[in-house]
Each structure stands twice: as structure tokens, then as C-alpha cells.
Amino acid sequence: TVGGKVPVCVIQNTGMMESGDSIRGMAIDAGFPLVMLIGYRGWTRHGVITDSAARYTETFLHAMGINYYLVESDDDASRISVAFEEARATNRPVAVLVGDEYHGFNRM
């Protein structure tokens, strides 16, 4: 922890991929617990990928060895608490992917 707390970063999936080396160096190699709330740009539960960033998001997380949870609705909100508990217990980054449809940026 940092000051007794688990830090949180709010970022879009494209920014997460741009920050890969910082995530590797600080959160993974240094054993820094971190929760990343990630806007899952381009993803929908219907499988229609509108942005290539969505295609690579989970692949990126797998490659970095970062566990993740998907939040698609209010019913999934407890997964955020689970991510904080996991980050604290493992001293590793944990991601929460916030589905594009849930945060509403693409709602008409």
C-alpha cells in the first residue's frame, strides 16, 4: 500500500497501453498495488468491435499478467471492491474494465 491505501488510476484502454512500461516498472516489478479503472473503449457485449483498441485490451492485460474484472452494469459494481482487495493482498496491479455501454459515452 501507499500511505496505507491502495492507489487507483482512472484511464482509457488506449492510455493504459501507452503506459505499459510505467505499469511494468512501478506496479509489477516494484510490487506496487494499483487498481486501474479502465474505460473499455470500443467494446460491447454484442461483439461488435468499433475500435481496434478493444481488440487488444484483454490481450495486453494477459501479456502483462494483470488480472481483471469486467463491469457492465450496476450489478457488477462489487467487482471494484474485489479488485481493491486483490491488489492489497497481492501487491500487484488489478484492472477493472468498464464496458463502453455502461459508462454511456456511446449512448444515443
PDB file of N, CA and C in Angstrom:
ATOM      1  N   THR A   1       0.838  -1.192   0.000  1.00  0.00           N
ATOM      2  CA  THR A   1       0.000   0.000   0.000  1.00  0.00           C
ATOM      3  C   THR A   1       0.878   1.249   0.000  1.00  0.00           C
ATOM      4  N   VAL A   2       0.267   2.342  -0.284  1.00  0.00           N
ATOM      5  CA  VAL A   2       0.946   3.637  -0.263  1.00  0.00           C
ATOM      6  C   VAL A   2       0.213   4.483   0.771  1.00  0.00           C
ATOM      7  N   GLY A   3       0.883   4.797   1.858  1.00  0.00           N
ATOM      8  CA  GLY A   3       0.227   5.539   2.926  1.00  0.00           C
ATOM      9  C   GLY A   3      -0.961   4.793   3.502  1.00  0.00           C
ATOM     10  N   GLY A   4      -0.899   3.446   3.462  1.00  0.00           N
ATOM     11  CA  GLY A   4      -1.985   2.629   3.984  1.00  0.00           C
ATOM     12  C   GLY A   4      -3.162   2.465   3.045  1.00  0.00           C
ATOM     13  N   LYS A   5      -3.062   2.986   1.858  1.00  0.00           N
ATOM     14  CA  LYS A   5      -4.162   2.922   0.883  1.00  0.00           C
ATOM     15  C   LYS A   5      -3.697   2.248  -0.401  1.00  0.00           C
ATOM     16  N   VAL A   6      -4.653   1.717  -1.152  1.00  0.00           N
ATOM     17  CA  VAL A   6      -4.372   1.178  -2.485  1.00  0.00           C
ATOM     18  C   VAL A   6      -4.670   2.278  -3.489  1.00  0.00           C
ATOM     19  N   PRO A   7      -3.663   2.708  -4.244  1.00  0.00           N
ATOM     20  CA  PRO A   7      -3.885   3.761  -5.238  1.00  0.00           C
ATOM     21  C   PRO A   7      -4.804   3.287  -6.363  1.00  0.00           C
ATOM     22  N   VAL A   8      -5.468   4.251  -6.982  1.00  0.00           N
ATOM     23  CA  VAL A   8      -6.336   3.957  -8.121  1.00  0.00           C
ATOM     24  C   VAL A   8      -5.981   4.901  -9.263  1.00  0.00           C
ATOM     25  N   CYS A   9      -6.039   4.379 -10.454  1.00  0.00           N
ATOM     26  CA  CYS A   9      -5.777   5.151 -11.663  1.00  0.00           C
ATOM     27  C   CYS A   9      -6.998   5.012 -12.560  1.00  0.00           C
ATOM     28  N   VAL A  10      -7.528   6.121 -13.040  1.00  0.00           N
ATOM     29  CA  VAL A  10      -8.653   6.108 -13.973  1.00  0.00           C
ATOM     30  C   VAL A  10      -8.093   6.461 -15.341  1.00  0.00           C
ATOM     31  N   ILE A  11      -8.259   5.545 -16.296  1.00  0.00           N
ATOM     32  CA  ILE A  11      -7.608   5.705 -17.592  1.00  0.00           C
ATOM     33  C   ILE A  11      -8.429   4.985 -18.666  1.00  0.00           C
ATOM     34  N   GLN A  12      -8.264   5.385 -19.889  1.00  0.00           N
ATOM     35  CA  GLN A  12      -8.902   4.689 -21.005  1.00  0.00           C
ATOM     36  C   GLN A  12      -7.978   3.552 -21.457  1.00  0.00           C
ATOM     37  N   ASN A  13      -8.523   2.546 -22.114  1.00  0.00           N
ATOM     38  CA  ASN A  13      -7.706   1.411 -22.541  1.00  0.00           C
ATOM     39  C   ASN A  13      -6.533   1.837 -23.422  1.00  0.00           C
ATOM     40  N   THR A  14      -6.710   2.822 -24.264  1.00  0.00           N
ATOM     41  CA  THR A  14      -5.611   3.278 -25.114  1.00  0.00           C
ATOM     42  C   THR A  14      -4.481   3.877 -24.278  1.00  0.00           C
ATOM     43  N   GLY A  15      -4.820   4.636 -23.254  1.00  0.00           N
ATOM     44  CA  GLY A  15      -3.814   5.208 -22.362  1.00  0.00           C
ATOM     45  C   GLY A  15      -3.090   4.147 -21.554  1.00  0.00           C
ATOM     46  N   MET A  16      -3.818   3.106 -21.160  1.00  0.00           N
ATOM     47  CA  MET A  16      -3.187   2.006 -20.431  1.00  0.00           C
ATOM     48  C   MET A  16      -2.105   1.362 -21.291  1.00  0.00           C
ATOM     49  N   MET A  17      -2.429   1.134 -22.561  1.00  0.00           N
ATOM     50  CA  MET A  17      -1.439   0.505 -23.442  1.00  0.00           C
ATOM     51  C   MET A  17      -0.239   1.423 -23.667  1.00  0.00           C
ATOM     52  N   GLU A  18      -0.474   2.721 -23.759  1.00  0.00           N
ATOM     53  CA  GLU A  18       0.628   3.684 -23.891  1.00  0.00           C
ATOM     54  C   GLU A  18       1.511   3.696 -22.641  1.00  0.00           C
ATOM     55  N   SER A  19       0.941   3.357 -21.491  1.00  0.00           N
ATOM     56  CA  SER A  19       1.648   3.409 -20.207  1.00  0.00           C
ATOM     57  C   SER A  19       2.265   2.081 -19.813  1.00  0.00           C
ATOM     58  N   GLY A  20       2.339   1.153 -20.734  1.00  0.00           N
ATOM     59  CA  GLY A  20       2.790  -0.204 -20.419  1.00  0.00           C
ATOM     60  C   GLY A  20       4.098  -0.280 -19.659  1.00  0.00           C
ATOM     61  N   ASP A  21       5.104   0.483 -20.053  1.00  0.00           N
ATOM     62  CA  ASP A  21       6.399   0.399 -19.375  1.00  0.00           C
ATOM     63  C   ASP A  21       6.323   0.938 -17.951  1.00  0.00           C
ATOM     64  N   SER A  22       5.530   1.974 -17.737  1.00  0.00           N
ATOM     65  CA  SER A  22       5.366   2.509 -16.375  1.00  0.00           C
ATOM     66  C   SER A  22       4.640   1.510 -15.487  1.00  0.00           C
ATOM     67  N   ILE A  23       3.628   0.852 -16.037  1.00  0.00           N
ATOM     68  CA  ILE A  23       2.906  -0.175 -15.277  1.00  0.00           C
ATOM     69  C   ILE A  23       3.862  -1.313 -14.924  1.00  0.00           C
ATOM     70  N   ARG A  24       4.670  -1.735 -15.889  1.00  0.00           N
ATOM     71  CA  ARG A  24       5.636  -2.812 -15.663  1.00  0.00           C
ATOM     72  C   ARG A  24       6.642  -2.432 -14.581  1.00  0.00           C
ATOM     73  N   GLY A  25       7.244  -1.265 -14.729  1.00  0.00           N
ATOM     74  CA  GLY A  25       8.306  -0.868 -13.820  1.00  0.00           C
ATOM     75  C   GLY A  25       7.843  -0.565 -12.414  1.00  0.00           C
ATOM     76  N   MET A  26       6.757   0.166 -12.289  1.00  0.00           N
ATOM     77  CA  MET A  26       6.330   0.602 -10.963  1.00  0.00           C
ATOM     78  C   MET A  26       5.382  -0.397 -10.305  1.00  0.00           C
ATOM     79  N   ALA A  27       4.355  -0.799 -10.994  1.00  0.00           N
ATOM     80  CA  ALA A  27       3.332  -1.614 -10.343  1.00  0.00           C
ATOM     81  C   ALA A  27       3.692  -3.097 -10.305  1.00  0.00           C
ATOM     82  N   ILE A  28       4.283  -3.610 -11.372  1.00  0.00           N
ATOM     83  CA  ILE A  28       4.579  -5.042 -11.410  1.00  0.00           C
ATOM     84  C   ILE A  28       5.930  -5.335 -10.765  1.00  0.00           C
ATOM     85  N   ASP A  29       7.004  -4.771 -11.295  1.00  0.00           N
ATOM     86  CA  ASP A  29       8.348  -5.093 -10.800  1.00  0.00           C
ATOM     87  C   ASP A  29       8.587  -4.609  -9.374  1.00  0.00           C
ATOM     88  N   ALA A  30       8.052  -3.462  -9.017  1.00  0.00           N
ATOM     89  CA  ALA A  30       8.270  -2.916  -7.675  1.00  0.00           C
ATOM     90  C   ALA A  30       7.251  -3.425  -6.660  1.00  0.00           C
ATOM     91  N   GLY A  31       6.274  -4.219  -7.102  1.00  0.00           N
ATOM     92  CA  GLY A  31       5.288  -4.756  -6.175  1.00  0.00           C
ATOM     93  C   GLY A  31       4.362  -3.701  -5.609  1.00  0.00           C
ATOM     94  N   PHE A  32       3.878  -2.846  -6.475  1.00  0.00           N
ATOM     95  CA  PHE A  32       3.049  -1.702  -6.112  1.00  0.00           C
ATOM     96  C   PHE A  32       1.587  -2.058  -6.345  1.00  0.00           C
ATOM     97  N   PRO A  33       0.763  -2.120  -5.297  1.00  0.00           N
ATOM     98  CA  PRO A  33      -0.647  -2.428  -5.520  1.00  0.00           C
ATOM     99  C   PRO A  33      -1.315  -1.256  -6.231  1.00  0.00           C
ATOM    100  N   LEU A  34      -2.078  -1.548  -7.235  1.00  0.00           N
ATOM    101  CA  LEU A  34      -2.714  -0.492  -8.021  1.00  0.00           C
ATOM    102  C   LEU A  34      -4.000  -1.028  -8.611  1.00  0.00           C
ATOM    103  N   VAL A  35      -5.076  -0.276  -8.469  1.00  0.00           N
ATOM    104  CA  VAL A  35      -6.324  -0.593  -9.163  1.00  0.00           C
ATOM    105  C   VAL A  35      -6.437   0.364 -10.329  1.00  0.00           C
ATOM    106  N   MET A  36      -6.613  -0.200 -11.507  1.00  0.00           N
ATOM    107  CA  MET A  36      -6.790   0.607 -12.710  1.00  0.00           C
ATOM    108  C   MET A  36      -8.239   0.488 -13.156  1.00  0.00           C
ATOM    109  N   LEU A  37      -8.980   1.590 -13.089  1.00  0.00           N
ATOM    110  CA  LEU A  37     -10.335   1.645 -13.639  1.00  0.00           C
ATOM    111  C   LEU A  37     -10.180   2.072 -15.090  1.00  0.00           C
ATOM    112  N   ILE A  38     -10.483   1.170 -16.001  1.00  0.00           N
ATOM    113  CA  ILE A  38     -10.157   1.376 -17.408  1.00  0.00           C
ATOM    114  C   ILE A  38     -11.419   1.459 -18.251  1.00  0.00           C
ATOM    115  N   GLY A  39     -11.597   2.583 -18.921  1.00  0.00           N
ATOM    116  CA  GLY A  39     -12.685   2.704 -19.886  1.00  0.00           C
ATOM    117  C   GLY A  39     -12.395   1.791 -21.064  1.00  0.00           C
ATOM    118  N   TYR A  40     -13.304   0.867 -21.326  1.00  0.00           N
ATOM    119  CA  TYR A  40     -13.097  -0.170 -22.338  1.00  0.00           C
ATOM    120  C   TYR A  40     -13.602   0.334 -23.690  1.00  0.00           C
ATOM    121  N   ARG A  41     -12.899   1.303 -24.221  1.00  0.00           N
ATOM    122  CA  ARG A  41     -13.262   1.961 -25.478  1.00  0.00           C
ATOM    123  C   ARG A  41     -13.391   0.945 -26.615  1.00  0.00           C
ATOM    124  N   GLY A  42     -14.515   1.014 -27.313  1.00  0.00           N
ATOM    125  CA  GLY A  42     -14.742   0.179 -28.482  1.00  0.00           C
ATOM    126  C   GLY A  42     -15.354  -1.175 -28.201  1.00  0.00           C
ATOM    127  N   TRP A  43     -15.541  -1.532 -26.940  1.00  0.00           N
ATOM    128  CA  TRP A  43     -16.059  -2.850 -26.587  1.00  0.00           C
ATOM    129  C   TRP A  43     -17.565  -2.792 -26.378  1.00  0.00           C
ATOM    130  N   THR A  44     -18.263  -3.814 -26.823  1.00  0.00           N
ATOM    131  CA  THR A  44     -19.673  -4.012 -26.476  1.00  0.00           C
ATOM    132  C   THR A  44     -19.885  -5.493 -26.205  1.00  0.00           C
ATOM    133  N   ARG A  45     -20.880  -5.811 -25.432  1.00  0.00           N
ATOM    134  CA  ARG A  45     -21.166  -7.220 -25.133  1.00  0.00           C
ATOM    135  C   ARG A  45     -21.705  -7.944 -26.353  1.00  0.00           C
ATOM    136  N   HIS A  46     -22.045  -7.191 -27.385  1.00  0.00           N
ATOM    137  CA  HIS A  46     -22.608  -7.788 -28.597  1.00  0.00           C
ATOM    138  C   HIS A  46     -21.526  -8.259 -29.562  1.00  0.00           C
ATOM    139  N   GLY A  47     -20.266  -8.025 -29.230  1.00  0.00           N
ATOM    140  CA  GLY A  47     -19.171  -8.497 -30.055  1.00  0.00           C
ATOM    141  C   GLY A  47     -18.875  -7.650 -31.276  1.00  0.00           C
ATOM    142  N   VAL A  48     -19.491  -6.489 -31.376  1.00  0.00           N
ATOM    143  CA  VAL A  48     -19.231  -5.589 -32.497  1.00  0.00           C
ATOM    144  C   VAL A  48     -18.106  -4.653 -32.074  1.00  0.00           C
ATOM    145  N   ILE A  49     -16.907  -4.911 -32.568  1.00  0.00           N
ATOM    146  CA  ILE A  49     -15.748  -4.107 -32.193  1.00  0.00           C
ATOM    147  C   ILE A  49     -15.687  -2.885 -33.104  1.00  0.00           C
ATOM    148  N   THR A  50     -15.861  -1.711 -32.509  1.00  0.00           N
ATOM    149  CA  THR A  50     -15.869  -0.470 -33.289  1.00  0.00           C
ATOM    150  C   THR A  50     -14.528   0.246 -33.258  1.00  0.00           C
ATOM    151  N   ASP A  51     -13.615  -0.226 -32.430  1.00  0.00           N
ATOM    152  CA  ASP A  51     -12.316   0.421 -32.272  1.00  0.00           C
ATOM    153  C   ASP A  51     -11.294  -0.679 -32.006  1.00  0.00           C
ATOM    154  N   SER A  52     -10.190  -0.672 -32.729  1.00  0.00           N
ATOM    155  CA  SER A  52      -9.199  -1.741 -32.560  1.00  0.00           C
ATOM    156  C   SER A  52      -8.629  -1.790 -31.144  1.00  0.00           C
ATOM    157  N   ALA A  53      -8.717  -0.700 -30.395  1.00  0.00           N
ATOM    158  CA  ALA A  53      -8.225  -0.708 -29.013  1.00  0.00           C
ATOM    159  C   ALA A  53      -8.910  -1.801 -28.198  1.00  0.00           C
ATOM    160  N   ALA A  54     -10.183  -2.033 -28.455  1.00  0.00           N
ATOM    161  CA  ALA A  54     -10.911  -3.064 -27.719  1.00  0.00           C
ATOM    162  C   ALA A  54     -10.356  -4.455 -28.008  1.00  0.00           C
ATOM    163  N   ARG A  55      -9.907  -4.681 -29.229  1.00  0.00           N
ATOM    164  CA  ARG A  55      -9.359  -5.993 -29.599  1.00  0.00           C
ATOM    165  C   ARG A  55      -8.097  -6.336 -28.811  1.00  0.00           C
ATOM    166  N   TYR A  56      -7.330  -5.325 -28.444  1.00  0.00           N
ATOM    167  CA  TYR A  56      -6.031  -5.560 -27.816  1.00  0.00           C
ATOM    168  C   TYR A  56      -6.027  -5.404 -26.301  1.00  0.00           C
ATOM    169  N   THR A  57      -7.094  -4.894 -25.718  1.00  0.00           N
ATOM    170  CA  THR A  57      -7.104  -4.588 -24.285  1.00  0.00           C
ATOM    171  C   THR A  57      -6.856  -5.818 -23.423  1.00  0.00           C
ATOM    172  N   GLU A  58      -7.657  -6.847 -23.591  1.00  0.00           N
ATOM    173  CA  GLU A  58      -7.502  -8.037 -22.756  1.00  0.00           C
ATOM    174  C   GLU A  58      -6.205  -8.771 -23.079  1.00  0.00           C
ATOM    175  N   THR A  59      -5.797  -8.769 -24.348  1.00  0.00           N
ATOM    176  CA  THR A  59      -4.523  -9.378 -24.736  1.00  0.00           C
ATOM    177  C   THR A  59      -3.367  -8.687 -24.025  1.00  0.00           C
ATOM    178  N   PHE A  60      -3.424  -7.357 -23.949  1.00  0.00           N
ATOM    179  CA  PHE A  60      -2.402  -6.579 -23.245  1.00  0.00           C
ATOM    180  C   PHE A  60      -2.348  -6.977 -21.769  1.00  0.00           C
ATOM    181  N   LEU A  61      -3.513  -7.035 -21.127  1.00  0.00           N
ATOM    182  CA  LEU A  61      -3.561  -7.391 -19.708  1.00  0.00           C
ATOM    183  C   LEU A  61      -3.024  -8.802 -19.479  1.00  0.00           C
ATOM    184  N   HIS A  62      -3.392  -9.740 -20.346  1.00  0.00           N
ATOM    185  CA  HIS A  62      -2.866 -11.110 -20.230  1.00  0.00           C
ATOM    186  C   HIS A  62      -1.346 -11.115 -20.366  1.00  0.00           C
ATOM    187  N   ALA A  63      -0.831 -10.388 -21.350  1.00  0.00           N
ATOM    188  CA  ALA A  63       0.619 -10.344 -21.582  1.00  0.00           C
ATOM    189  C   ALA A  63       1.365  -9.786 -20.374  1.00  0.00           C
ATOM    190  N   MET A  64       0.747  -8.829 -19.682  1.00  0.00           N
ATOM    191  CA  MET A  64       1.376  -8.220 -18.507  1.00  0.00           C
ATOM    192  C   MET A  64       1.121  -9.028 -17.229  1.00  0.00           C
ATOM    193  N   GLY A  65       0.294 -10.062 -17.320  1.00  0.00           N
ATOM    194  CA  GLY A  65      -0.025 -10.868 -16.144  1.00  0.00           C
ATOM    195  C   GLY A  65      -0.913 -10.146 -15.157  1.00  0.00           C
ATOM    196  N   ILE A  66      -1.764  -9.256 -15.666  1.00  0.00           N
ATOM    197  CA  ILE A  66      -2.645  -8.458 -14.809  1.00  0.00           C
ATOM    198  C   ILE A  66      -4.050  -9.053 -14.834  1.00  0.00           C
ATOM    199  N   ASN A  67      -4.544  -9.419 -13.653  1.00  0.00           N
ATOM    200  CA  ASN A  67      -5.911  -9.921 -13.542  1.00  0.00           C
ATOM    201  C   ASN A  67      -6.886  -8.763 -13.743  1.00  0.00           C
ATOM    202  N   TYR A  68      -8.085  -9.078 -14.235  1.00  0.00           N
ATOM    203  CA  TYR A  68      -9.054  -8.010 -14.480  1.00  0.00           C
ATOM    204  C   TYR A  68     -10.477  -8.499 -14.261  1.00  0.00           C
ATOM    205  N   TYR A  69     -11.347  -7.513 -14.039  1.00  0.00           N
ATOM    206  CA  TYR A  69     -12.771  -7.741 -13.852  1.00  0.00           C
ATOM    207  C   TYR A  69     -13.517  -6.826 -14.806  1.00  0.00           C
ATOM    208  N   LEU A  70     -14.656  -7.283 -15.301  1.00  0.00           N
ATOM    209  CA  LEU A  70     -15.473  -6.501 -16.222  1.00  0.00           C
ATOM    210  C   LEU A  70     -16.697  -5.967 -15.495  1.00  0.00           C
ATOM    211  N   VAL A  71     -16.935  -4.673 -15.619  1.00  0.00           N
ATOM    212  CA  VAL A  71     -18.128  -4.036 -15.064  1.00  0.00           C
ATOM    213  C   VAL A  71     -18.996  -3.600 -16.239  1.00  0.00           C
ATOM    214  N   GLU A  72     -20.166  -4.229 -16.350  1.00  0.00           N
ATOM    215  CA  GLU A  72     -21.103  -3.915 -17.426  1.00  0.00           C
ATOM    216  C   GLU A  72     -22.369  -3.234 -16.926  1.00  0.00           C
ATOM    217  N   SER A  73     -22.668  -3.404 -15.633  1.00  0.00           N
ATOM    218  CA  SER A  73     -23.916  -2.868 -15.096  1.00  0.00           C
ATOM    219  C   SER A  73     -23.732  -2.577 -13.609  1.00  0.00           C
ATOM    220  N   ASP A  74     -24.741  -1.963 -13.011  1.00  0.00           N
ATOM    221  CA  ASP A  74     -24.696  -1.689 -11.578  1.00  0.00           C
ATOM    222  C   ASP A  74     -24.522  -2.977 -10.769  1.00  0.00           C
ATOM    223  N   ASP A  75     -25.047  -4.079 -11.276  1.00  0.00           N
ATOM    224  CA  ASP A  75     -24.932  -5.358 -10.578  1.00  0.00           C
ATOM    225  C   ASP A  75     -23.486  -5.820 -10.447  1.00  0.00           C
ATOM    226  N   ASP A  76     -22.612  -5.297 -11.292  1.00  0.00           N
ATOM    227  CA  ASP A  76     -21.204  -5.694 -11.287  1.00  0.00           C
ATOM    228  C   ASP A  76     -20.331  -4.806 -10.402  1.00  0.00           C
ATOM    229  N   ALA A  77     -20.915  -3.798  -9.779  1.00  0.00           N
ATOM    230  CA  ALA A  77     -20.130  -2.807  -9.030  1.00  0.00           C
ATOM    231  C   ALA A  77     -19.287  -3.427  -7.923  1.00  0.00           C
ATOM    232  N   SER A  78     -19.733  -4.523  -7.341  1.00  0.00           N
ATOM    233  CA  SER A  78     -18.966  -5.156  -6.258  1.00  0.00           C
ATOM    234  C   SER A  78     -17.612  -5.668  -6.743  1.00  0.00           C
ATOM    235  N   ARG A  79     -17.455  -5.843  -8.045  1.00  0.00           N
ATOM    236  CA  ARG A  79     -16.170  -6.293  -8.594  1.00  0.00           C
ATOM    237  C   ARG A  79     -15.073  -5.256  -8.357  1.00  0.00           C
ATOM    238  N   ILE A  80     -15.460  -4.010  -8.212  1.00  0.00           N
ATOM    239  CA  ILE A  80     -14.472  -2.963  -7.931  1.00  0.00           C
ATOM    240  C   ILE A  80     -13.860  -3.194  -6.551  1.00  0.00           C
ATOM    241  N   SER A  81     -14.689  -3.512  -5.569  1.00  0.00           N
ATOM    242  CA  SER A  81     -14.178  -3.821  -4.225  1.00  0.00           C
ATOM    243  C   SER A  81     -13.294  -5.054  -4.243  1.00  0.00           C
ATOM    244  N   VAL A  82     -13.675  -6.048  -5.023  1.00  0.00           N
ATOM    245  CA  VAL A  82     -12.870  -7.266  -5.153  1.00  0.00           C
ATOM    246  C   VAL A  82     -11.493  -6.920  -5.717  1.00  0.00           C
ATOM    247  N   ALA A  83     -11.457  -6.029  -6.695  1.00  0.00           N
ATOM    248  CA  ALA A  83     -10.180  -5.611  -7.292  1.00  0.00           C
ATOM    249  C   ALA A  83      -9.286  -4.935  -6.254  1.00  0.00           C
ATOM    250  N   PHE A  84      -9.867  -4.072  -5.415  1.00  0.00           N
ATOM    251  CA  PHE A  84      -9.078  -3.418  -4.363  1.00  0.00           C
ATOM    252  C   PHE A  84      -8.529  -4.448  -3.373  1.00  0.00           C
ATOM    253  N   GLU A  85      -9.360  -5.397  -2.976  1.00  0.00           N
ATOM    254  CA  GLU A  85      -8.906  -6.436  -2.047  1.00  0.00           C
ATOM    255  C   GLU A  85      -7.773  -7.254  -2.655  1.00  0.00           C
ATOM    256  N   GLU A  86      -7.910  -7.598  -3.939  1.00  0.00           N
ATOM    257  CA  GLU A  86      -6.879  -8.391  -4.607  1.00  0.00           C
ATOM    258  C   GLU A  86      -5.567  -7.620  -4.739  1.00  0.00           C
ATOM    259  N   ALA A  87      -5.643  -6.353  -5.109  1.00  0.00           N
ATOM    260  CA  ALA A  87      -4.429  -5.539  -5.238  1.00  0.00           C
ATOM    261  C   ALA A  87      -3.702  -5.442  -3.901  1.00  0.00           C
ATOM    262  N   ARG A  88      -4.460  -5.244  -2.834  1.00  0.00           N
ATOM    263  CA  ARG A  88      -3.856  -5.142  -1.497  1.00  0.00           C
ATOM    264  C   ARG A  88      -3.212  -6.472  -1.094  1.00  0.00           C
ATOM    265  N   ALA A  89      -3.892  -7.573  -1.361  1.00  0.00           N
ATOM    266  CA  ALA A  89      -3.396  -8.889  -0.944  1.00  0.00           C
ATOM    267  C   ALA A  89      -2.185  -9.350  -1.751  1.00  0.00           C
ATOM    268  N   THR A  90      -2.115  -8.960  -3.018  1.00  0.00           N
ATOM    269  CA  THR A  90      -1.058  -9.468  -3.902  1.00  0.00           C
ATOM    270  C   THR A  90       0.058  -8.465  -4.173  1.00  0.00           C
ATOM    271  N   ASN A  91      -0.145  -7.196  -3.782  1.00  0.00           N
ATOM    272  CA  ASN A  91       0.810  -6.134  -4.128  1.00  0.00           C
ATOM    273  C   ASN A  91       1.098  -6.117  -5.624  1.00  0.00           C
ATOM    274  N   ARG A  92       0.029  -6.218  -6.382  1.00  0.00           N
ATOM    275  CA  ARG A  92       0.114  -6.209  -7.847  1.00  0.00           C
ATOM    276  C   ARG A  92      -1.021  -5.352  -8.400  1.00  0.00           C
ATOM    277  N   PRO A  93      -0.869  -4.894  -9.629  1.00  0.00           N
ATOM    278  CA  PRO A  93      -1.966  -4.161 -10.251  1.00  0.00           C
ATOM    279  C   PRO A  93      -3.121  -5.097 -10.602  1.00  0.00           C
ATOM    280  N   VAL A  94      -4.318  -4.564 -10.517  1.00  0.00           N
ATOM    281  CA  VAL A  94      -5.542  -5.266 -10.901  1.00  0.00           C
ATOM    282  C   VAL A  94      -6.368  -4.276 -11.708  1.00  0.00           C
ATOM    283  N   ALA A  95      -6.960  -4.755 -12.790  1.00  0.00           N
ATOM    284  CA  ALA A  95      -7.727  -3.872 -13.667  1.00  0.00           C
ATOM    285  C   ALA A  95      -9.226  -4.116 -13.524  1.00  0.00           C
ATOM    286  N   VAL A  96      -9.983  -3.040 -13.674  1.00  0.00           N
ATOM    287  CA  VAL A  96     -11.437  -3.112 -13.775  1.00  0.00           C
ATOM    288  C   VAL A  96     -11.793  -2.481 -15.113  1.00  0.00           C
ATOM    289  N   LEU A  97     -12.284  -3.302 -16.027  1.00  0.00           N
ATOM    290  CA  LEU A  97     -12.684  -2.813 -17.340  1.00  0.00           C
ATOM    291  C   LEU A  97     -14.127  -2.345 -17.265  1.00  0.00           C
ATOM    292  N   VAL A  98     -14.341  -1.082 -17.577  1.00  0.00           N
ATOM    293  CA  VAL A  98     -15.684  -0.504 -17.533  1.00  0.00           C
ATOM    294  C   VAL A  98     -16.222  -0.515 -18.955  1.00  0.00           C
ATOM    295  N   GLY A  99     -17.192  -1.389 -19.189  1.00  0.00           N
ATOM    296  CA  GLY A  99     -17.746  -1.571 -20.523  1.00  0.00           C
ATOM    297  C   GLY A  99     -18.256  -0.275 -21.124  1.00  0.00           C
ATOM    298  N   ASP A 100     -17.977  -0.104 -22.390  1.00  0.00           N
ATOM    299  CA  ASP A 100     -18.353   1.105 -23.128  1.00  0.00           C
ATOM    300  C   ASP A 100     -19.839   1.422 -22.995  1.00  0.00           C
ATOM    301  N   GLU A 101     -20.670   0.385 -23.023  1.00  0.00           N
ATOM    302  CA  GLU A 101     -22.112   0.607 -22.929  1.00  0.00           C
ATOM    303  C   GLU A 101     -22.517   1.097 -21.543  1.00  0.00           C
ATOM    304  N   TYR A 102     -21.767   0.695 -20.514  1.00  0.00           N
ATOM    305  CA  TYR A 102     -22.125   1.061 -19.149  1.00  0.00           C
ATOM    306  C   TYR A 102     -21.840   2.522 -18.856  1.00  0.00           C
ATOM    307  N   HIS A 103     -20.663   3.004 -19.228  1.00  0.00           N
ATOM    308  CA  HIS A 103     -20.354   4.389 -18.874  1.00  0.00           C
ATOM    309  C   HIS A 103     -21.103   5.377 -19.745  1.00  0.00           C
ATOM    310  N   GLY A 104     -21.683   4.929 -20.840  1.00  0.00           N
ATOM    311  CA  GLY A 104     -22.632   5.751 -21.577  1.00  0.00           C
ATOM    312  C   GLY A 104     -22.082   6.702 -22.606  1.00  0.00           C
ATOM    313  N   PHE A 105     -20.779   6.688 -22.856  1.00  0.00           N
ATOM    314  CA  PHE A 105     -20.238   7.630 -23.828  1.00  0.00           C
ATOM    315  C   PHE A 105     -20.789   7.397 -25.227  1.00  0.00           C
ATOM    316  N   ASN A 106     -21.186   6.162 -25.503  1.00  0.00           N
ATOM    317  CA  ASN A 106     -21.682   5.853 -26.839  1.00  0.00           C
ATOM    318  C   ASN A 106     -23.198   5.756 -26.909  1.00  0.00           C
ATOM    319  N   ARG A 107     -23.873   6.155 -25.861  1.00  0.00           N
ATOM    320  CA  ARG A 107     -25.346   6.111 -25.883  1.00  0.00           C
ATOM    321  C   ARG A 107     -25.884   7.218 -26.762  1.00  0.00           C
ATOM    322  N   MET A 108     -26.927   6.901 -27.461  1.00  0.00           N
ATOM    323  CA  MET A 108     -27.554   7.899 -28.340  1.00  0.00           C
ATOM    324  C   MET A 108     -28.597   8.693 -27.580  1.00  0.00           C
TER     325      MET A 108
END
